[in-house]
């Protein structure tokens, strides 16, 4: 795990430049939401093999909500770490034989996500596959998981244009700094 990057357009650009996997962000951000940090796992030679981006804003049921999106290669484990589950992948906690619990539009493609069982009660965890890699969505508090039923549009910031320069930034979230 590389050091967490405080929320700024320039710092996010560093993560985007080093990433070998998508850097997912809701785009446009939901009304009132802010970018609150980014991190990646990997080394300087091979680049980021997993990325994490956090945003926060008004929750669907009131109060503040926080969304952490992780893109990672199989077996890295960054998504599972933030999801608070054992193992590097969702494993049997992901019921892909059932109807998806949520859908997002990831880089223009409908992407099903399933609720991950066995996550701590303080968060809602969803996982699926986008571009051949794990896509995790971890939402705090758990009731803010309703945000995932609104068909978010996710953009890979590696493909985004100059509009990223207008990204509203907030304070660094402590969720990126602490182990669940």
C-alpha atoms as a PDB file:
ATOM      1  CA  UNK A   1       0.000   0.000   0.000  1.00  0.00           C
ATOM      2  CA  UNK A   2       1.375   3.368  -1.001  1.00  0.00           C
ATOM      3  CA  UNK A   3       0.810   6.445   1.172  1.00  0.00           C
ATOM      4  CA  UNK A   4      -2.708   7.849   1.117  1.00  0.00           C
ATOM      5  CA  UNK A   5      -3.074  10.891  -1.109  1.00  0.00           C
ATOM      6  CA  UNK A   6      -4.858  13.911   0.418  1.00  0.00           C
ATOM      7  CA  UNK A   7      -7.750  15.233  -1.644  1.00  0.00           C
ATOM      8  CA  UNK A   8      -6.524  17.621  -4.323  1.00  0.00           C
ATOM      9  CA  UNK A   9      -6.728  17.571  -8.096  1.00  0.00           C
ATOM     10  CA  UNK A  10      -2.923  17.380  -8.340  1.00  0.00           C
ATOM     11  CA  UNK A  11      -2.620  14.464  -5.904  1.00  0.00           C
ATOM     12  CA  UNK A  12      -5.400  12.580  -7.664  1.00  0.00           C
ATOM     13  CA  UNK A  13      -3.483  13.102 -10.901  1.00  0.00           C
ATOM     14  CA  UNK A  14      -0.511  11.242  -9.400  1.00  0.00           C
ATOM     15  CA  UNK A  15      -2.691   8.225  -8.563  1.00  0.00           C
ATOM     16  CA  UNK A  16      -4.297   8.316 -12.014  1.00  0.00           C
ATOM     17  CA  UNK A  17      -0.890   8.503 -13.726  1.00  0.00           C
ATOM     18  CA  UNK A  18       0.517   5.514 -11.793  1.00  0.00           C
ATOM     19  CA  UNK A  19      -2.583   3.321 -11.987  1.00  0.00           C
ATOM     20  CA  UNK A  20      -2.619   0.149 -14.069  1.00  0.00           C
ATOM     21  CA  UNK A  21      -6.281  -0.409 -13.110  1.00  0.00           C
ATOM     22  CA  UNK A  22      -9.285   1.931 -13.340  1.00  0.00           C
ATOM     23  CA  UNK A  23      -9.582   4.859 -10.948  1.00  0.00           C
ATOM     24  CA  UNK A  24     -13.366   4.869 -10.522  1.00  0.00           C
ATOM     25  CA  UNK A  25     -15.287   7.923  -9.410  1.00  0.00           C
ATOM     26  CA  UNK A  26     -18.954   8.839  -9.682  1.00  0.00           C
ATOM     27  CA  UNK A  27     -19.050  11.420 -12.457  1.00  0.00           C
ATOM     28  CA  UNK A  28     -20.656  13.737 -12.163  1.00  0.00           C
ATOM     29  CA  UNK A  29     -20.485  13.569  -8.386  1.00  0.00           C
ATOM     30  CA  UNK A  30     -23.876  13.445  -6.677  1.00  0.00           C
ATOM     31  CA  UNK A  31     -25.109  16.910  -5.654  1.00  0.00           C
ATOM     32  CA  UNK A  32     -23.236  18.144  -2.595  1.00  0.00           C
ATOM     33  CA  UNK A  33     -20.600  15.394  -2.701  1.00  0.00           C
ATOM     34  CA  UNK A  34     -16.831  15.991  -2.472  1.00  0.00           C
ATOM     35  CA  UNK A  35     -13.697  14.021  -3.329  1.00  0.00           C
ATOM     36  CA  UNK A  36     -12.114  13.030   0.012  1.00  0.00           C
ATOM     37  CA  UNK A  37      -9.008  10.994  -0.792  1.00  0.00           C
ATOM     38  CA  UNK A  38      -7.271   8.354  -2.880  1.00  0.00           C
ATOM     39  CA  UNK A  39      -4.825   5.523  -2.374  1.00  0.00           C
ATOM     40  CA  UNK A  40      -3.264   2.765  -4.423  1.00  0.00           C
ATOM     41  CA  UNK A  41      -1.465  -0.519  -3.887  1.00  0.00           C
ATOM     42  CA  UNK A  42       1.530  -1.362  -6.020  1.00  0.00           C
ATOM     43  CA  UNK A  43       5.083  -0.200  -6.464  1.00  0.00           C
ATOM     44  CA  UNK A  44       6.766   2.508  -8.490  1.00  0.00           C
ATOM     45  CA  UNK A  45       8.050   0.021 -11.053  1.00  0.00           C
ATOM     46  CA  UNK A  46       4.845  -1.895 -11.830  1.00  0.00           C
ATOM     47  CA  UNK A  47       2.355   0.854 -10.959  1.00  0.00           C
ATOM     48  CA  UNK A  48      -0.908   0.723  -9.064  1.00  0.00           C
ATOM     49  CA  UNK A  49      -2.519  -2.733  -9.107  1.00  0.00           C
ATOM     50  CA  UNK A  50      -5.405  -1.515  -6.951  1.00  0.00           C
ATOM     51  CA  UNK A  51      -6.896   1.948  -6.503  1.00  0.00           C
ATOM     52  CA  UNK A  52      -9.237   3.400  -3.895  1.00  0.00           C
ATOM     53  CA  UNK A  53     -11.140   6.684  -4.218  1.00  0.00           C
ATOM     54  CA  UNK A  54     -13.431   8.151  -1.558  1.00  0.00           C
ATOM     55  CA  UNK A  55     -16.206  10.707  -1.818  1.00  0.00           C
ATOM     56  CA  UNK A  56     -18.582  12.001   0.816  1.00  0.00           C
ATOM     57  CA  UNK A  57     -21.752  14.015   0.904  1.00  0.00           C
ATOM     58  CA  UNK A  58     -25.401  14.003   1.935  1.00  0.00           C
ATOM     59  CA  UNK A  59     -26.737  10.484   2.507  1.00  0.00           C
ATOM     60  CA  UNK A  60     -29.989   9.395   0.860  1.00  0.00           C
ATOM     61  CA  UNK A  61     -31.733   9.194   4.261  1.00  0.00           C
ATOM     62  CA  UNK A  62     -30.121  12.299   5.743  1.00  0.00           C
ATOM     63  CA  UNK A  63     -26.822  12.745   7.527  1.00  0.00           C
ATOM     64  CA  UNK A  64     -23.484  12.265   5.840  1.00  0.00           C
ATOM     65  CA  UNK A  65     -22.630   9.339   3.610  1.00  0.00           C
ATOM     66  CA  UNK A  66     -19.284   8.117   2.392  1.00  0.00           C
ATOM     67  CA  UNK A  67     -18.511   6.021  -0.686  1.00  0.00           C
ATOM     68  CA  UNK A  68     -15.230   4.207  -1.276  1.00  0.00           C
ATOM     69  CA  UNK A  69     -14.664   2.672  -4.711  1.00  0.00           C
ATOM     70  CA  UNK A  70     -11.897   0.125  -5.250  1.00  0.00           C
ATOM     71  CA  UNK A  71     -10.675  -1.336  -8.538  1.00  0.00           C
ATOM     72  CA  UNK A  72      -8.179  -4.153  -8.204  1.00  0.00           C
ATOM     73  CA  UNK A  73      -6.620  -7.166  -9.806  1.00  0.00           C
ATOM     74  CA  UNK A  74      -7.701 -10.528  -8.416  1.00  0.00           C
ATOM     75  CA  UNK A  75      -5.998 -11.431  -5.150  1.00  0.00           C
ATOM     76  CA  UNK A  76      -4.733  -7.961  -4.178  1.00  0.00           C
ATOM     77  CA  UNK A  77      -7.132  -7.606  -1.231  1.00  0.00           C
ATOM     78  CA  UNK A  78      -7.469  -3.824  -0.965  1.00  0.00           C
ATOM     79  CA  UNK A  79     -11.245  -3.960  -1.445  1.00  0.00           C
ATOM     80  CA  UNK A  80     -11.634  -6.714   1.143  1.00  0.00           C
ATOM     81  CA  UNK A  81      -9.539  -4.698   3.583  1.00  0.00           C
ATOM     82  CA  UNK A  82     -11.852  -1.688   3.381  1.00  0.00           C
ATOM     83  CA  UNK A  83     -14.920  -3.943   3.259  1.00  0.00           C
ATOM     84  CA  UNK A  84     -13.805  -5.455   6.570  1.00  0.00           C
ATOM     85  CA  UNK A  85     -13.936  -9.062   5.374  1.00  0.00           C
ATOM     86  CA  UNK A  86     -11.383 -11.877   5.511  1.00  0.00           C
ATOM     87  CA  UNK A  87      -9.479 -12.924   2.423  1.00  0.00           C
ATOM     88  CA  UNK A  88      -8.404 -11.005  -0.652  1.00  0.00           C
ATOM     89  CA  UNK A  89     -11.682 -11.412  -2.584  1.00  0.00           C
ATOM     90  CA  UNK A  90     -15.397 -11.549  -1.681  1.00  0.00           C
ATOM     91  CA  UNK A  91     -15.395 -15.339  -2.133  1.00  0.00           C
ATOM     92  CA  UNK A  92     -18.548 -17.143  -1.047  1.00  0.00           C
ATOM     93  CA  UNK A  93     -19.921 -13.883   0.399  1.00  0.00           C
ATOM     94  CA  UNK A  94     -20.818 -12.832  -3.142  1.00  0.00           C
ATOM     95  CA  UNK A  95     -24.058 -14.427  -4.372  1.00  0.00           C
ATOM     96  CA  UNK A  96     -23.517 -14.106  -8.125  1.00  0.00           C
ATOM     97  CA  UNK A  97     -26.046 -16.873  -8.762  1.00  0.00           C
ATOM     98  CA  UNK A  98     -28.784 -14.449  -7.657  1.00  0.00           C
ATOM     99  CA  UNK A  99     -30.119 -11.287  -9.262  1.00  0.00           C
ATOM    100  CA  UNK A 100     -27.685  -8.370  -8.749  1.00  0.00           C
ATOM    101  CA  UNK A 101     -28.520  -6.105  -5.826  1.00  0.00           C
ATOM    102  CA  UNK A 102     -27.370  -2.928  -7.579  1.00  0.00           C
ATOM    103  CA  UNK A 103     -26.152  -1.715 -10.946  1.00  0.00           C
ATOM    104  CA  UNK A 104     -23.762   1.039 -11.892  1.00  0.00           C
ATOM    105  CA  UNK A 105     -22.743   2.316 -15.281  1.00  0.00           C
ATOM    106  CA  UNK A 106     -18.954   1.817 -15.309  1.00  0.00           C
ATOM    107  CA  UNK A 107     -17.221   3.448 -18.280  1.00  0.00           C
ATOM    108  CA  UNK A 108     -20.488   3.288 -20.199  1.00  0.00           C
ATOM    109  CA  UNK A 109     -21.195  -0.383 -19.474  1.00  0.00           C
ATOM    110  CA  UNK A 110     -23.995  -1.670 -17.227  1.00  0.00           C
ATOM    111  CA  UNK A 111     -22.196  -3.337 -14.323  1.00  0.00           C
ATOM    112  CA  UNK A 112     -24.015  -5.562 -11.826  1.00  0.00           C
ATOM    113  CA  UNK A 113     -22.983  -5.466  -8.178  1.00  0.00           C
ATOM    114  CA  UNK A 114     -23.933  -7.909  -5.450  1.00  0.00           C
ATOM    115  CA  UNK A 115     -24.217  -7.243  -1.737  1.00  0.00           C
ATOM    116  CA  UNK A 116     -21.289  -8.878   0.078  1.00  0.00           C
ATOM    117  CA  UNK A 117     -22.375 -10.883   3.094  1.00  0.00           C
ATOM    118  CA  UNK A 118     -20.380 -10.970   6.344  1.00  0.00           C
ATOM    119  CA  UNK A 119     -19.296  -7.315   6.169  1.00  0.00           C
ATOM    120  CA  UNK A 120     -19.401  -5.340   9.436  1.00  0.00           C
ATOM    121  CA  UNK A 121     -22.823  -3.877  10.254  1.00  0.00           C
ATOM    122  CA  UNK A 122     -21.604  -0.263  10.029  1.00  0.00           C
ATOM    123  CA  UNK A 123     -21.212  -0.382   6.222  1.00  0.00           C
ATOM    124  CA  UNK A 124     -22.848  -1.677   3.060  1.00  0.00           C
ATOM    125  CA  UNK A 125     -20.494  -3.554   0.745  1.00  0.00           C
ATOM    126  CA  UNK A 126     -21.099  -4.350  -2.919  1.00  0.00           C
ATOM    127  CA  UNK A 127     -18.761  -6.062  -5.388  1.00  0.00           C
ATOM    128  CA  UNK A 128     -18.743  -7.082  -9.015  1.00  0.00           C
ATOM    129  CA  UNK A 129     -16.556  -7.085 -12.105  1.00  0.00           C
ATOM    130  CA  UNK A 130     -15.752  -4.192 -14.406  1.00  0.00           C
ATOM    131  CA  UNK A 131     -13.148  -4.344 -17.170  1.00  0.00           C
ATOM    132  CA  UNK A 132     -12.062  -7.796 -15.973  1.00  0.00           C
ATOM    133  CA  UNK A 133     -11.167  -6.533 -12.484  1.00  0.00           C
ATOM    134  CA  UNK A 134     -12.889  -6.414  -9.116  1.00  0.00           C
ATOM    135  CA  UNK A 135     -15.023  -3.362  -8.497  1.00  0.00           C
ATOM    136  CA  UNK A 136     -15.890  -2.786  -4.831  1.00  0.00           C
ATOM    137  CA  UNK A 137     -18.251  -0.149  -3.449  1.00  0.00           C
ATOM    138  CA  UNK A 138     -18.132   0.329   0.326  1.00  0.00           C
ATOM    139  CA  UNK A 139     -20.649   2.779   1.767  1.00  0.00           C
ATOM    140  CA  UNK A 140     -20.823   4.208   5.303  1.00  0.00           C
ATOM    141  CA  UNK A 141     -23.101   4.247   7.190  1.00  0.00           C
ATOM    142  CA  UNK A 142     -24.880   1.082   6.128  1.00  0.00           C
ATOM    143  CA  UNK A 143     -28.185   2.851   5.383  1.00  0.00           C
ATOM    144  CA  UNK A 144     -26.381   5.087   2.876  1.00  0.00           C
ATOM    145  CA  UNK A 145     -26.005   1.946   0.775  1.00  0.00           C
ATOM    146  CA  UNK A 146     -29.295   3.056  -0.785  1.00  0.00           C
ATOM    147  CA  UNK A 147     -27.089   5.329  -2.909  1.00  0.00           C
ATOM    148  CA  UNK A 148     -26.087   2.217  -4.876  1.00  0.00           C
ATOM    149  CA  UNK A 149     -29.660   1.691  -6.059  1.00  0.00           C
ATOM    150  CA  UNK A 150     -29.612   5.003  -7.968  1.00  0.00           C
ATOM    151  CA  UNK A 151     -27.563   3.609 -10.883  1.00  0.00           C
ATOM    152  CA  UNK A 152     -24.464   5.694 -10.349  1.00  0.00           C
ATOM    153  CA  UNK A 153     -22.393   6.599 -13.382  1.00  0.00           C
ATOM    154  CA  UNK A 154     -18.737   5.750 -12.763  1.00  0.00           C
ATOM    155  CA  UNK A 155     -15.930   7.203 -14.837  1.00  0.00           C
ATOM    156  CA  UNK A 156     -12.415   5.818 -15.030  1.00  0.00           C
ATOM    157  CA  UNK A 157     -10.444   8.970 -14.306  1.00  0.00           C
ATOM    158  CA  UNK A 158      -7.653   7.709 -16.570  1.00  0.00           C
ATOM    159  CA  UNK A 159     -10.071   8.458 -19.431  1.00  0.00           C
ATOM    160  CA  UNK A 160     -11.468  11.733 -18.067  1.00  0.00           C
ATOM    161  CA  UNK A 161     -10.694  15.058 -19.618  1.00  0.00           C
ATOM    162  CA  UNK A 162     -10.035  18.523 -18.274  1.00  0.00           C
ATOM    163  CA  UNK A 163     -13.296  18.562 -16.312  1.00  0.00           C
ATOM    164  CA  UNK A 164     -11.427  16.762 -13.503  1.00  0.00           C
ATOM    165  CA  UNK A 165      -9.746  20.111 -12.796  1.00  0.00           C
ATOM    166  CA  UNK A 166     -13.143  21.270 -11.484  1.00  0.00           C
ATOM    167  CA  UNK A 167     -13.400  18.401  -8.974  1.00  0.00           C
ATOM    168  CA  UNK A 168     -14.697  19.673  -5.603  1.00  0.00           C
ATOM    169  CA  UNK A 169     -12.358  18.523  -2.826  1.00  0.00           C
ATOM    170  CA  UNK A 170     -13.118  18.078   0.873  1.00  0.00           C
ATOM    171  CA  UNK A 171     -11.089  17.010   3.894  1.00  0.00           C
ATOM    172  CA  UNK A 172      -9.162  13.726   3.868  1.00  0.00           C
ATOM    173  CA  UNK A 173     -11.318  10.883   5.146  1.00  0.00           C
ATOM    174  CA  UNK A 174      -9.903   8.918   8.077  1.00  0.00           C
ATOM    175  CA  UNK A 175     -11.370   5.738   6.531  1.00  0.00           C
ATOM    176  CA  UNK A 176      -8.406   5.534   4.145  1.00  0.00           C
ATOM    177  CA  UNK A 177      -5.940   5.830   7.013  1.00  0.00           C
ATOM    178  CA  UNK A 178      -7.236   3.225   9.444  1.00  0.00           C
ATOM    179  CA  UNK A 179      -7.529  -0.500   9.112  1.00  0.00           C
ATOM    180  CA  UNK A 180     -11.150  -1.602   9.564  1.00  0.00           C
END
